[in-house]
Amino acid sequence: MTTRTLETARSQTGILPILFALMLGLGVIAITGHVQASALHDAAHDVRHASGFPCH
């Protein structure tokens, strides 16, 4: 494996965890922001208002 190939492999593997974390975070925000289950709503209520996410 050449140095250039190794550098390319490192840069591509470094972005995957970042993209995964971003998608996971956005998914959690979307689910907790739109679900109407009272237990989940109550658990996330104050955090949503503090971050400016409308829930009513």
PDB file of N, CA and C in Angstrom:
ATOM      1  N   MET A   1       0.846  -1.176   0.000  1.00  0.00           N
ATOM      2  CA  MET A   1       0.000   0.000   0.000  1.00  0.00           C
ATOM      3  C   MET A   1       0.892   1.240   0.000  1.00  0.00           C
ATOM      4  N   THR A   2       0.597   2.185  -0.846  1.00  0.00           N
ATOM      5  CA  THR A   2       1.404   3.400  -0.916  1.00  0.00           C
ATOM      6  C   THR A   2       0.966   4.378   0.163  1.00  0.00           C
ATOM      7  N   THR A   3       1.793   5.366   0.371  1.00  0.00           N
ATOM      8  CA  THR A   3       1.481   6.388   1.378  1.00  0.00           C
ATOM      9  C   THR A   3       0.212   7.144   1.007  1.00  0.00           C
ATOM     10  N   ARG A   4       0.054   7.421  -0.264  1.00  0.00           N
ATOM     11  CA  ARG A   4      -1.128   8.167  -0.714  1.00  0.00           C
ATOM     12  C   ARG A   4      -2.408   7.351  -0.477  1.00  0.00           C
ATOM     13  N   THR A   5      -2.370   6.062  -0.760  1.00  0.00           N
ATOM     14  CA  THR A   5      -3.525   5.200  -0.534  1.00  0.00           C
ATOM     15  C   THR A   5      -3.856   5.125   0.948  1.00  0.00           C
ATOM     16  N   LEU A   6      -2.834   5.044   1.788  1.00  0.00           N
ATOM     17  CA  LEU A   6      -3.040   4.991   3.236  1.00  0.00           C
ATOM     18  C   LEU A   6      -3.667   6.283   3.741  1.00  0.00           C
ATOM     19  N   GLU A   7      -3.197   7.420   3.242  1.00  0.00           N
ATOM     20  CA  GLU A   7      -3.771   8.702   3.653  1.00  0.00           C
ATOM     21  C   GLU A   7      -5.220   8.822   3.212  1.00  0.00           C
ATOM     22  N   THR A   8      -5.532   8.369   2.020  1.00  0.00           N
ATOM     23  CA  THR A   8      -6.910   8.403   1.531  1.00  0.00           C
ATOM     24  C   THR A   8      -7.803   7.516   2.387  1.00  0.00           C
ATOM     25  N   ALA A   9      -7.322   6.352   2.743  1.00  0.00           N
ATOM     26  CA  ALA A   9      -8.102   5.438   3.585  1.00  0.00           C
ATOM     27  C   ALA A   9      -8.349   6.043   4.955  1.00  0.00           C
ATOM     28  N   ARG A  10      -7.356   6.694   5.519  1.00  0.00           N
ATOM     29  CA  ARG A  10      -7.530   7.328   6.833  1.00  0.00           C
ATOM     30  C   ARG A  10      -8.544   8.464   6.778  1.00  0.00           C
ATOM     31  N   SER A  11      -8.490   9.288   5.751  1.00  0.00           N
ATOM     32  CA  SER A  11      -9.411  10.420   5.667  1.00  0.00           C
ATOM     33  C   SER A  11     -10.850   9.949   5.446  1.00  0.00           C
ATOM     34  N   GLN A  12     -11.041   8.870   4.709  1.00  0.00           N
ATOM     35  CA  GLN A  12     -12.388   8.363   4.479  1.00  0.00           C
ATOM     36  C   GLN A  12     -12.943   7.696   5.725  1.00  0.00           C
ATOM     37  N   THR A  13     -12.143   6.995   6.482  1.00  0.00           N
ATOM     38  CA  THR A  13     -12.645   6.350   7.692  1.00  0.00           C
ATOM     39  C   THR A  13     -12.870   7.365   8.802  1.00  0.00           C
ATOM     40  N   GLY A  14     -12.204   8.501   8.761  1.00  0.00           N
ATOM     41  CA  GLY A  14     -12.405   9.527   9.774  1.00  0.00           C
ATOM     42  C   GLY A  14     -13.738  10.239   9.627  1.00  0.00           C
ATOM     43  N   ILE A  15     -14.273  10.305   8.429  1.00  0.00           N
ATOM     44  CA  ILE A  15     -15.525  11.013   8.195  1.00  0.00           C
ATOM     45  C   ILE A  15     -16.739  10.160   8.518  1.00  0.00           C
ATOM     46  N   LEU A  16     -16.619   8.852   8.427  1.00  0.00           N
ATOM     47  CA  LEU A  16     -17.762   7.976   8.662  1.00  0.00           C
ATOM     48  C   LEU A  16     -18.319   8.087  10.086  1.00  0.00           C
ATOM     49  N   PRO A  17     -17.497   8.073  11.124  1.00  0.00           N
ATOM     50  CA  PRO A  17     -18.070   8.240  12.469  1.00  0.00           C
ATOM     51  C   PRO A  17     -18.751   9.593  12.667  1.00  0.00           C
ATOM     52  N   ILE A  18     -18.210  10.614  12.038  1.00  0.00           N
ATOM     53  CA  ILE A  18     -18.811  11.941  12.141  1.00  0.00           C
ATOM     54  C   ILE A  18     -20.177  11.959  11.476  1.00  0.00           C
ATOM     55  N   LEU A  19     -20.266  11.388  10.291  1.00  0.00           N
ATOM     56  CA  LEU A  19     -21.548  11.328   9.597  1.00  0.00           C
ATOM     57  C   LEU A  19     -22.562  10.482  10.358  1.00  0.00           C
ATOM     58  N   PHE A  20     -22.108   9.373  10.913  1.00  0.00           N
ATOM     59  CA  PHE A  20     -22.998   8.519  11.695  1.00  0.00           C
ATOM     60  C   PHE A  20     -23.521   9.253  12.923  1.00  0.00           C
ATOM     61  N   ALA A  21     -22.646   9.943  13.639  1.00  0.00           N
ATOM     62  CA  ALA A  21     -23.063  10.695  14.819  1.00  0.00           C
ATOM     63  C   ALA A  21     -24.036  11.806  14.454  1.00  0.00           C
ATOM     64  N   LEU A  22     -23.793  12.465  13.336  1.00  0.00           N
ATOM     65  CA  LEU A  22     -24.691  13.523  12.874  1.00  0.00           C
ATOM     66  C   LEU A  22     -26.074  12.981  12.554  1.00  0.00           C
ATOM     67  N   MET A  23     -26.124  11.883  11.815  1.00  0.00           N
ATOM     68  CA  MET A  23     -27.408  11.287  11.455  1.00  0.00           C
ATOM     69  C   MET A  23     -28.143  10.755  12.691  1.00  0.00           C
ATOM     70  N   LEU A  24     -27.405  10.152  13.600  1.00  0.00           N
ATOM     71  CA  LEU A  24     -28.018   9.652  14.836  1.00  0.00           C
ATOM     72  C   LEU A  24     -28.586  10.804  15.661  1.00  0.00           C
ATOM     73  N   GLY A  25     -27.829  11.861  15.793  1.00  0.00           N
ATOM     74  CA  GLY A  25     -28.294  13.020  16.549  1.00  0.00           C
ATOM     75  C   GLY A  25     -29.523  13.668  15.939  1.00  0.00           C
ATOM     76  N   LEU A  26     -29.512  13.833  14.632  1.00  0.00           N
ATOM     77  CA  LEU A  26     -30.679  14.413  13.966  1.00  0.00           C
ATOM     78  C   LEU A  26     -31.895  13.503  14.076  1.00  0.00           C
ATOM     79  N   GLY A  27     -31.665  12.201  14.015  1.00  0.00           N
ATOM     80  CA  GLY A  27     -32.766  11.245  14.177  1.00  0.00           C
ATOM     81  C   GLY A  27     -33.383  11.317  15.562  1.00  0.00           C
ATOM     82  N   VAL A  28     -32.535  11.414  16.577  1.00  0.00           N
ATOM     83  CA  VAL A  28     -33.045  11.511  17.950  1.00  0.00           C
ATOM     84  C   VAL A  28     -33.835  12.801  18.139  1.00  0.00           C
ATOM     85  N   ILE A  29     -33.333  13.891  17.614  1.00  0.00           N
ATOM     86  CA  ILE A  29     -34.048  15.173  17.731  1.00  0.00           C
ATOM     87  C   ILE A  29     -35.391  15.104  17.006  1.00  0.00           C
ATOM     88  N   ALA A  30     -35.407  14.533  15.819  1.00  0.00           N
ATOM     89  CA  ALA A  30     -36.651  14.437  15.051  1.00  0.00           C
ATOM     90  C   ALA A  30     -37.667  13.539  15.746  1.00  0.00           C
ATOM     91  N   ILE A  31     -37.221  12.416  16.279  1.00  0.00           N
ATOM     92  CA  ILE A  31     -38.141  11.493  16.954  1.00  0.00           C
ATOM     93  C   ILE A  31     -38.698  12.109  18.229  1.00  0.00           C
ATOM     94  N   THR A  32     -37.833  12.662  19.065  1.00  0.00           N
ATOM     95  CA  THR A  32     -38.326  13.245  20.322  1.00  0.00           C
ATOM     96  C   THR A  32     -39.127  14.512  20.082  1.00  0.00           C
ATOM     97  N   GLY A  33     -38.881  15.181  18.980  1.00  0.00           N
ATOM     98  CA  GLY A  33     -39.618  16.407  18.693  1.00  0.00           C
ATOM     99  C   GLY A  33     -41.011  16.172  18.156  1.00  0.00           C
ATOM    100  N   HIS A  34     -41.254  15.017  17.577  1.00  0.00           N
ATOM    101  CA  HIS A  34     -42.548  14.789  16.945  1.00  0.00           C
ATOM    102  C   HIS A  34     -43.389  13.704  17.590  1.00  0.00           C
ATOM    103  N   VAL A  35     -42.828  12.949  18.501  1.00  0.00           N
ATOM    104  CA  VAL A  35     -43.593  11.872  19.125  1.00  0.00           C
ATOM    105  C   VAL A  35     -44.590  12.464  20.130  1.00  0.00           C
ATOM    106  N   GLN A  36     -45.732  11.856  20.273  1.00  0.00           N
ATOM    107  CA  GLN A  36     -46.745  12.370  21.184  1.00  0.00           C
ATOM    108  C   GLN A  36     -46.950  11.483  22.411  1.00  0.00           C
ATOM    109  N   ALA A  37     -46.091  10.515  22.624  1.00  0.00           N
ATOM    110  CA  ALA A  37     -46.188   9.693  23.831  1.00  0.00           C
ATOM    111  C   ALA A  37     -45.916  10.583  25.040  1.00  0.00           C
ATOM    112  N   SER A  38     -46.768  10.519  26.026  1.00  0.00           N
ATOM    113  CA  SER A  38     -46.659  11.451  27.153  1.00  0.00           C
ATOM    114  C   SER A  38     -45.367  11.265  27.943  1.00  0.00           C
ATOM    115  N   ALA A  39     -44.909  10.049  28.133  1.00  0.00           N
ATOM    116  CA  ALA A  39     -43.686   9.834  28.902  1.00  0.00           C
ATOM    117  C   ALA A  39     -42.472  10.425  28.190  1.00  0.00           C
ATOM    118  N   LEU A  40     -42.354  10.192  26.899  1.00  0.00           N
ATOM    119  CA  LEU A  40     -41.232  10.741  26.147  1.00  0.00           C
ATOM    120  C   LEU A  40     -41.351  12.251  26.026  1.00  0.00           C
ATOM    121  N   HIS A  41     -42.562  12.716  25.841  1.00  0.00           N
ATOM    122  CA  HIS A  41     -42.783  14.156  25.747  1.00  0.00           C
ATOM    123  C   HIS A  41     -42.375  14.853  27.037  1.00  0.00           C
ATOM    124  N   ASP A  42     -42.802  14.309  28.165  1.00  0.00           N
ATOM    125  CA  ASP A  42     -42.461  14.918  29.450  1.00  0.00           C
ATOM    126  C   ASP A  42     -40.965  14.870  29.718  1.00  0.00           C
ATOM    127  N   ALA A  43     -40.315  13.777  29.323  1.00  0.00           N
ATOM    128  CA  ALA A  43     -38.878  13.643  29.554  1.00  0.00           C
ATOM    129  C   ALA A  43     -38.080  14.654  28.741  1.00  0.00           C
ATOM    130  N   ALA A  44     -38.526  14.954  27.538  1.00  0.00           N
ATOM    131  CA  ALA A  44     -37.771  15.838  26.658  1.00  0.00           C
ATOM    132  C   ALA A  44     -38.330  17.259  26.625  1.00  0.00           C
ATOM    133  N   HIS A  45     -39.389  17.531  27.359  1.00  0.00           N
ATOM    134  CA  HIS A  45     -40.104  18.805  27.268  1.00  0.00           C
ATOM    135  C   HIS A  45     -39.203  20.011  27.550  1.00  0.00           C
ATOM    136  N   ASP A  46     -38.527  20.008  28.678  1.00  0.00           N
ATOM    137  CA  ASP A  46     -37.713  21.163  29.043  1.00  0.00           C
ATOM    138  C   ASP A  46     -36.538  21.362  28.097  1.00  0.00           C
ATOM    139  N   VAL A  47     -35.946  20.272  27.639  1.00  0.00           N
ATOM    140  CA  VAL A  47     -34.818  20.382  26.715  1.00  0.00           C
ATOM    141  C   VAL A  47     -35.276  20.979  25.390  1.00  0.00           C
ATOM    142  N   ARG A  48     -36.441  20.577  24.928  1.00  0.00           N
ATOM    143  CA  ARG A  48     -36.943  21.127  23.660  1.00  0.00           C
ATOM    144  C   ARG A  48     -37.193  22.618  23.777  1.00  0.00           C
ATOM    145  N   HIS A  49     -37.802  23.044  24.867  1.00  0.00           N
ATOM    146  CA  HIS A  49     -38.055  24.480  25.029  1.00  0.00           C
ATOM    147  C   HIS A  49     -36.758  25.261  25.186  1.00  0.00           C
ATOM    148  N   ALA A  50     -35.785  24.696  25.900  1.00  0.00           N
ATOM    149  CA  ALA A  50     -34.503  25.383  26.087  1.00  0.00           C
ATOM    150  C   ALA A  50     -33.758  25.525  24.770  1.00  0.00           C
ATOM    151  N   SER A  51     -33.914  24.560  23.867  1.00  0.00           N
ATOM    152  CA  SER A  51     -33.198  24.643  22.588  1.00  0.00           C
ATOM    153  C   SER A  51     -34.035  25.344  21.516  1.00  0.00           C
ATOM    154  N   GLY A  52     -35.247  25.756  21.839  1.00  0.00           N
ATOM    155  CA  GLY A  52     -36.073  26.490  20.889  1.00  0.00           C
ATOM    156  C   GLY A  52     -36.868  25.620  19.947  1.00  0.00           C
ATOM    157  N   PHE A  53     -36.972  24.329  20.223  1.00  0.00           N
ATOM    158  CA  PHE A  53     -37.725  23.409  19.369  1.00  0.00           C
ATOM    159  C   PHE A  53     -39.179  23.418  19.801  1.00  0.00           C
ATOM    160  N   PRO A  54     -40.110  23.827  18.944  1.00  0.00           N
ATOM    161  CA  PRO A  54     -41.526  23.868  19.358  1.00  0.00           C
ATOM    162  C   PRO A  54     -42.100  22.468  19.520  1.00  0.00           C
ATOM    163  N   CYS A  55     -42.874  22.279  20.567  1.00  0.00           N
ATOM    164  CA  CYS A  55     -43.447  20.951  20.789  1.00  0.00           C
ATOM    165  C   CYS A  55     -44.942  21.004  21.017  1.00  0.00           C
ATOM    166  N   HIS A  56     -45.532  22.166  20.901  1.00  0.00           N
ATOM    167  CA  HIS A  56     -46.998  22.249  21.094  1.00  0.00           C
ATOM    168  C   HIS A  56     -47.643  22.803  19.844  1.00  0.00           C
TER     169      HIS A  56
END
